[in-house]
Amino acid sequence: MIETHDLCKYFSKRRSGMSILSRLSRRSRELVKAVDHINLTVKQGEVFGLIGPNGAGKTTLVKVLSTLILPDGGTAFINGRNVVSQDAVVRSQIGVLPGEFSRSLYWRLTGRQNLKFFSELYGIRDTSRIDSLIELFGLKEWEDELLMRYSTGMKHKLALARALLNDPPVLLLDEPTTGIDPKASYEIKKLVKNELREKTILWTSHNLYEIDEICDRIAMINHGHIVLEGTPEEIKKQDLEYERITLVVDSGESHWFSLIESAQVINEYLVEITSTNIAQTLKEILTIVEHNNINIKDLRTTAPTLEEIFVKRMGQTS
């Protein structure tokens, strides 16, 4: 379980064109609120997605939770242990895949040597854990190759294997599929869904489709603030200011629906209508159909996508 209460982390932003003395003065420094009074609860065994633009505070939050940096205010707990006062215990409870994952591995070592080195840091002498992780991530054929010869996707897999060496109950995954090919991305998501479901996972990402697919709950973050939180379906319902109606009619009949103000005639048989009052819009459609003897082949309504909601909310908080 992961909990934060009014968690804050600020950084100093130095302005350019200043003298050395001015730069040393605290008064001249502008504070950037990377994490600003964040309250989050990630339940046991839950995959929780954190999504936001660059600079929103995702990586800073992961660094605080992984004890890499100290917060400036508030508290954070991993399975009930304080990340500041009980940092050593917290580190034994977590596995971390950093955004700059390449820095967590040694390129002049083989895949197996990397895992052996880090397992010894954890005090793990039994090599069976390394064997099982190499097998799990499909790296058997490459285990004795130098890391510098690995593809980006393979390096991602090895970095995730490293995070799992001590079999931690909590995983902090900072953009785990960024920069890798679709096949490697699919394999990592499949692994999380099938093999790691008992673990508590915080997953940060830019990819809304990925978040929608894999996460039980999500939070949208911008300028250090949580602006929206819930399951993907809850968020779509919360933001249900409009629905989209898609109509398929006989060829040549789509133009009749241009009488509806929000209608967009895509081609001679396809129409898309954005509606803030679905019942009223359906009445208008029915009237046009009856008056013009139109044959409807298909009619569907869809809610806003997470991508549309994200763009809207980020615009409101920019």
Protein backbone atom coordinates (compact mmCIF):
# COMPACT_ATOMS: atom_id res chain seq x y z
CA MET A 1 0.00 0.00 0.00
CA ILE A 2 1.18 3.52 -0.84
CA GLU A 3 -0.10 6.59 1.01
CA THR A 4 0.76 10.27 0.80
CA HIS A 5 -0.64 13.06 2.97
CA ASP A 6 -0.16 16.69 1.87
CA LEU A 7 3.14 15.64 0.28
CA CYS A 8 5.24 18.55 -1.03
CA LYS A 9 8.53 18.92 -2.87
CA TYR A 10 9.84 22.26 -4.09
CA PHE A 11 12.86 23.17 -6.19
CA SER A 12 14.61 26.49 -6.68
CA LYS A 13 14.45 27.95 -10.16
CA ARG A 14 17.35 30.29 -10.82
CA ARG A 15 16.79 33.10 -13.25
CA SER A 16 19.33 33.70 -16.01
CA GLY A 17 21.43 36.86 -16.30
CA MET A 18 22.06 37.18 -12.55
CA SER A 19 25.28 37.86 -10.70
CA ILE A 20 26.93 35.17 -8.57
CA LEU A 21 25.93 36.98 -5.36
CA SER A 22 22.34 37.21 -6.53
CA ARG A 23 22.29 33.52 -7.35
CA LEU A 24 23.47 32.70 -3.84
CA SER A 25 20.64 34.75 -2.34
CA ARG A 26 17.50 32.79 -1.48
CA ARG A 27 15.39 35.86 -2.16
CA SER A 28 16.28 35.74 -5.84
CA ARG A 29 15.21 32.14 -6.26
CA GLU A 30 11.78 31.26 -7.56
CA LEU A 31 10.27 28.13 -6.02
CA VAL A 32 8.88 25.53 -8.40
CA LYS A 33 6.21 23.33 -6.80
CA ALA A 34 7.04 19.93 -8.30
CA VAL A 35 4.76 18.10 -5.83
CA ASP A 36 2.20 20.31 -4.14
CA HIS A 37 0.11 18.87 -1.27
CA ILE A 38 -0.58 15.54 -2.94
CA ASN A 39 -2.91 13.09 -1.20
CA LEU A 40 -2.95 9.62 -2.73
CA THR A 41 -3.79 6.10 -1.66
CA VAL A 42 -2.74 3.12 -3.77
CA LYS A 43 -4.42 0.01 -2.43
CA GLN A 44 -2.79 -3.35 -1.85
CA GLY A 45 -2.57 -5.31 -5.11
CA GLU A 46 -3.70 -2.35 -7.22
CA VAL A 47 -2.14 -1.04 -10.43
CA PHE A 48 -2.41 2.73 -10.07
CA GLY A 49 -1.64 4.95 -13.04
CA LEU A 50 -0.24 8.46 -12.72
CA ILE A 51 -0.47 10.48 -15.91
CA GLY A 52 0.56 14.02 -16.72
CA PRO A 53 2.63 16.15 -19.10
CA ASN A 54 6.39 16.64 -18.81
CA GLY A 55 7.23 18.55 -15.63
CA ALA A 56 3.92 17.67 -13.97
CA GLY A 57 5.60 16.03 -10.95
CA LYS A 58 5.38 12.32 -11.77
CA THR A 59 9.09 11.51 -11.54
CA THR A 60 9.57 13.72 -8.47
CA LEU A 61 6.82 11.81 -6.67
CA VAL A 62 8.46 8.48 -7.57
CA LYS A 63 11.81 9.75 -6.27
CA VAL A 64 10.27 10.79 -2.94
CA LEU A 65 8.48 7.45 -2.55
CA SER A 66 11.69 5.56 -3.37
CA THR A 67 13.63 7.57 -0.71
CA LEU A 68 15.95 9.13 -3.32
CA ILE A 69 14.99 12.67 -2.32
CA LEU A 70 13.45 14.12 0.83
CA PRO A 71 10.05 15.82 0.78
CA ASP A 72 9.71 19.42 1.93
CA GLY A 73 6.39 18.81 3.61
CA GLY A 74 3.76 16.21 4.33
CA THR A 75 4.28 12.49 4.78
CA ALA A 76 4.47 9.36 2.64
CA PHE A 77 4.21 5.70 3.61
CA ILE A 78 5.00 2.39 1.92
CA ASN A 79 3.10 -0.46 3.60
CA GLY A 80 2.79 1.69 6.71
CA ARG A 81 6.49 2.65 6.86
CA ASN A 82 7.50 6.32 6.69
CA VAL A 83 9.74 7.01 3.68
CA VAL A 84 11.83 9.49 5.70
CA SER A 85 12.17 8.05 9.21
CA GLN A 86 12.05 4.39 8.10
CA ASP A 87 13.83 4.72 4.76
CA ALA A 88 15.94 1.55 5.09
CA VAL A 89 12.85 -0.59 5.70
CA VAL A 90 11.03 1.15 2.84
CA ARG A 91 13.86 0.34 0.42
CA SER A 92 13.51 -3.34 1.29
CA GLN A 93 9.80 -3.14 0.42
CA ILE A 94 10.08 -1.54 -3.02
CA GLY A 95 11.34 -2.25 -6.51
CA VAL A 96 12.03 0.79 -8.68
CA LEU A 97 12.23 1.16 -12.44
CA PRO A 98 13.50 4.74 -12.92
CA GLY A 99 12.64 6.83 -15.94
CA GLU A 100 16.32 6.98 -16.88
CA PHE A 101 16.58 3.23 -16.46
CA SER A 102 19.94 2.92 -18.24
CA ARG A 103 21.63 4.55 -15.26
CA SER A 104 20.47 1.69 -13.06
CA LEU A 105 22.49 -0.88 -15.04
CA TYR A 106 26.13 -1.40 -15.96
CA TRP A 107 26.72 -1.53 -19.69
CA ARG A 108 30.11 -3.29 -19.47
CA LEU A 109 28.59 -6.23 -17.59
CA THR A 110 26.47 -9.01 -19.03
CA GLY A 111 22.80 -9.30 -18.21
CA ARG A 112 23.46 -12.06 -15.69
CA GLN A 113 26.39 -10.18 -14.15
CA ASN A 114 24.18 -7.13 -13.66
CA LEU A 115 21.56 -9.17 -11.82
CA LYS A 116 24.22 -10.97 -9.76
CA PHE A 117 25.84 -7.68 -8.73
CA PHE A 118 22.56 -6.16 -7.54
CA SER A 119 21.35 -9.37 -5.89
CA GLU A 120 24.52 -9.38 -3.77
CA LEU A 121 23.75 -5.80 -2.71
CA TYR A 122 20.41 -7.13 -1.46
CA GLY A 123 22.24 -9.94 0.32
CA ILE A 124 20.71 -12.57 -1.99
CA ARG A 125 23.22 -15.37 -2.53
CA ASP A 126 20.90 -17.93 -4.09
CA THR A 127 21.18 -17.65 -7.89
CA SER A 128 17.84 -19.38 -8.47
CA ARG A 129 16.10 -16.01 -8.24
CA ILE A 130 18.29 -14.70 -11.08
CA ASP A 131 17.59 -17.84 -13.12
CA SER A 132 13.83 -17.48 -12.70
CA LEU A 133 13.84 -13.78 -13.65
CA ILE A 134 15.97 -14.39 -16.74
CA GLU A 135 13.49 -17.08 -17.76
CA LEU A 136 10.47 -14.91 -16.93
CA PHE A 137 11.68 -12.02 -19.09
CA GLY A 138 12.80 -14.21 -22.00
CA LEU A 139 16.47 -13.22 -21.72
CA LYS A 140 17.99 -16.71 -21.57
CA GLU A 141 19.69 -16.44 -24.97
CA TRP A 142 21.18 -13.07 -24.04
CA GLU A 143 22.11 -13.56 -20.39
CA ASP A 144 25.87 -13.77 -21.11
CA GLU A 145 25.94 -10.90 -23.63
CA LEU A 146 27.21 -7.47 -22.62
CA LEU A 147 24.42 -5.02 -21.88
CA MET A 148 25.72 -2.62 -24.54
CA ARG A 149 24.60 -5.18 -27.13
CA TYR A 150 21.03 -5.33 -25.84
CA SER A 151 18.17 -3.64 -27.65
CA THR A 152 16.30 -0.89 -25.80
CA GLY A 153 13.42 -3.26 -25.10
CA MET A 154 15.75 -5.89 -23.67
CA LYS A 155 17.41 -3.30 -21.43
CA HIS A 156 13.96 -2.32 -20.17
CA LYS A 157 13.23 -5.95 -19.35
CA LEU A 158 16.54 -6.36 -17.53
CA ALA A 159 15.94 -3.16 -15.55
CA LEU A 160 12.52 -4.47 -14.50
CA ALA A 161 14.07 -7.82 -13.59
CA ARG A 162 16.56 -5.91 -11.43
CA ALA A 163 13.64 -4.17 -9.67
CA LEU A 164 12.14 -7.59 -8.88
CA LEU A 165 15.28 -9.23 -7.47
CA ASN A 166 14.20 -8.92 -3.85
CA ASP A 167 10.59 -9.86 -4.73
CA PRO A 168 9.24 -6.55 -3.36
CA PRO A 169 5.54 -6.13 -2.55
CA VAL A 170 5.52 -2.60 -4.02
CA LEU A 171 6.73 -1.54 -7.49
CA LEU A 172 7.37 2.04 -8.62
CA LEU A 173 7.53 2.04 -12.42
CA ASP A 174 8.39 5.40 -13.99
CA GLU A 175 7.27 5.32 -17.64
CA PRO A 176 8.19 1.63 -18.07
CA THR A 177 7.29 1.41 -21.77
CA THR A 178 8.66 4.74 -23.03
CA GLY A 179 11.06 4.45 -25.96
CA ILE A 180 10.59 0.74 -26.62
CA ASP A 181 9.02 -1.07 -29.57
CA PRO A 182 5.39 -2.27 -29.48
CA LYS A 183 6.37 -5.93 -28.97
CA ALA A 184 8.50 -5.20 -25.88
CA SER A 185 5.81 -2.85 -24.56
CA TYR A 186 3.17 -5.55 -24.99
CA GLU A 187 5.33 -8.12 -23.20
CA ILE A 188 5.94 -5.83 -20.22
CA LYS A 189 2.23 -4.99 -19.89
CA LYS A 190 1.33 -8.67 -20.19
CA LEU A 191 3.83 -9.51 -17.47
CA VAL A 192 2.38 -6.88 -15.13
CA LYS A 193 -1.20 -8.04 -15.74
CA ASN A 194 -0.50 -11.78 -15.47
CA GLU A 195 2.56 -12.33 -13.29
CA LEU A 196 2.64 -9.33 -10.94
CA ARG A 197 -1.03 -8.87 -10.08
CA GLU A 198 -0.48 -9.52 -6.38
CA LYS A 199 1.89 -6.55 -6.11
CA THR A 200 1.03 -2.92 -5.46
CA ILE A 201 2.15 -0.95 -8.52
CA LEU A 202 2.47 2.77 -9.21
CA TRP A 203 2.80 3.19 -12.99
CA THR A 204 3.57 6.61 -14.47
CA SER A 205 3.05 7.21 -18.17
CA HIS A 206 2.33 9.64 -21.00
CA ASN A 207 0.32 6.98 -22.80
CA LEU A 208 -3.40 7.30 -22.06
CA TYR A 209 -4.37 4.15 -23.97
CA GLU A 210 -1.83 2.18 -21.94
CA ILE A 211 -3.13 3.63 -18.67
CA ASP A 212 -6.72 2.84 -19.63
CA GLU A 213 -5.77 -0.72 -20.54
CA ILE A 214 -3.67 -1.74 -17.56
CA CYS A 215 -4.60 0.38 -14.51
CA ASP A 216 -7.31 -0.25 -11.93
CA ARG A 217 -7.38 3.44 -10.99
CA ILE A 218 -5.66 6.54 -12.31
CA ALA A 219 -4.84 10.09 -11.30
CA MET A 220 -4.10 13.02 -13.59
CA ILE A 221 -1.38 15.35 -12.31
CA ASN A 222 -0.41 18.84 -13.48
CA HIS A 223 1.87 21.43 -11.88
CA GLY A 224 2.26 19.15 -8.86
CA HIS A 225 -1.51 18.91 -8.24
CA ILE A 226 -3.85 15.95 -8.64
CA VAL A 227 -6.62 17.29 -10.88
CA LEU A 228 -8.68 14.12 -11.34
CA GLU A 229 -8.74 10.65 -9.77
CA GLY A 230 -10.77 7.45 -10.10
CA THR A 231 -11.16 4.35 -12.23
CA PRO A 232 -10.98 4.98 -15.99
CA GLU A 233 -14.75 4.47 -16.24
CA GLU A 234 -15.46 6.77 -13.26
CA ILE A 235 -13.37 9.53 -14.81
CA LYS A 236 -15.17 9.21 -18.13
CA LYS A 237 -18.53 9.46 -16.33
CA GLN A 238 -17.39 12.40 -14.16
CA ASP A 239 -16.46 14.33 -17.28
CA LEU A 240 -19.51 13.32 -19.29
CA GLU A 241 -20.41 16.79 -20.58
CA TYR A 242 -21.11 15.41 -24.02
CA GLU A 243 -21.43 12.19 -25.98
CA ARG A 244 -20.59 11.44 -29.58
CA ILE A 245 -23.21 9.88 -31.86
CA THR A 246 -22.02 8.03 -34.95
CA LEU A 247 -24.56 7.39 -37.70
CA VAL A 248 -24.21 5.14 -40.74
CA VAL A 249 -26.91 5.60 -43.40
CA ASP A 250 -27.50 4.64 -47.03
CA SER A 251 -25.11 6.27 -49.49
CA GLY A 252 -26.13 9.82 -50.40
CA GLU A 253 -28.40 10.41 -47.39
CA SER A 254 -25.90 11.76 -44.86
CA HIS A 255 -26.34 15.41 -45.96
CA TRP A 256 -29.80 15.58 -44.35
CA PHE A 257 -28.20 15.54 -40.89
CA SER A 258 -26.35 18.82 -41.49
CA LEU A 259 -29.59 20.37 -40.21
CA ILE A 260 -28.35 19.43 -36.73
CA GLU A 261 -26.03 22.21 -35.51
CA SER A 262 -23.30 19.98 -34.05
CA ALA A 263 -23.34 17.42 -36.89
CA GLN A 264 -20.26 16.73 -38.97
CA VAL A 265 -20.92 14.98 -42.28
CA ILE A 266 -17.83 12.81 -42.80
CA ASN A 267 -18.84 11.39 -46.18
CA GLU A 268 -21.95 10.38 -48.11
CA TYR A 269 -22.91 7.69 -45.59
CA LEU A 270 -21.19 8.62 -42.28
CA VAL A 271 -22.18 11.35 -39.78
CA GLU A 272 -20.74 12.28 -36.37
CA ILE A 273 -22.73 14.39 -33.93
CA THR A 274 -21.50 15.84 -30.63
CA SER A 275 -24.32 16.18 -28.11
CA THR A 276 -24.65 17.67 -24.64
CA ASN A 277 -28.27 16.47 -24.48
CA ILE A 278 -28.39 12.97 -25.90
CA ALA A 279 -32.18 12.57 -25.57
CA GLN A 280 -32.89 15.80 -27.44
CA THR A 281 -30.38 15.00 -30.19
CA LEU A 282 -31.87 11.54 -30.72
CA LYS A 283 -35.29 13.17 -31.14
CA GLU A 284 -33.84 15.46 -33.83
CA ILE A 285 -32.29 12.47 -35.58
CA LEU A 286 -35.59 10.56 -35.48
CA THR A 287 -37.47 13.54 -36.94
CA ILE A 288 -35.03 13.81 -39.87
CA VAL A 289 -35.19 10.05 -40.46
CA GLU A 290 -39.01 9.98 -40.52
CA HIS A 291 -39.43 13.07 -42.72
CA ASN A 292 -36.90 11.91 -45.30
CA ASN A 293 -37.48 8.16 -45.16
CA ILE A 294 -33.81 7.51 -44.32
CA ASN A 295 -32.52 4.01 -43.64
CA ILE A 296 -30.18 3.91 -40.63
CA LYS A 297 -27.68 1.05 -40.88
CA ASP A 298 -25.91 1.76 -37.59
CA LEU A 299 -26.17 4.19 -34.67
CA ARG A 300 -23.73 4.28 -31.78
CA THR A 301 -23.07 6.58 -28.85
CA THR A 302 -19.63 6.89 -27.24
CA ALA A 303 -18.39 8.79 -24.20
CA PRO A 304 -15.33 11.09 -24.31
CA THR A 305 -12.02 9.24 -24.40
CA LEU A 306 -9.41 9.59 -21.66
CA GLU A 307 -7.29 11.48 -24.17
CA GLU A 308 -10.02 14.09 -24.72
CA ILE A 309 -10.58 14.43 -20.96
CA PHE A 310 -6.83 14.72 -20.34
CA VAL A 311 -6.36 17.49 -22.93
CA LYS A 312 -9.32 19.38 -21.49
CA ARG A 313 -8.20 19.10 -17.86
CA MET A 314 -4.58 19.96 -18.59
CA GLY A 315 -5.79 23.06 -20.42
CA GLN A 316 -7.89 24.10 -17.43
CA THR A 317 -4.91 23.85 -15.03
CA SER A 318 -2.16 25.28 -17.26
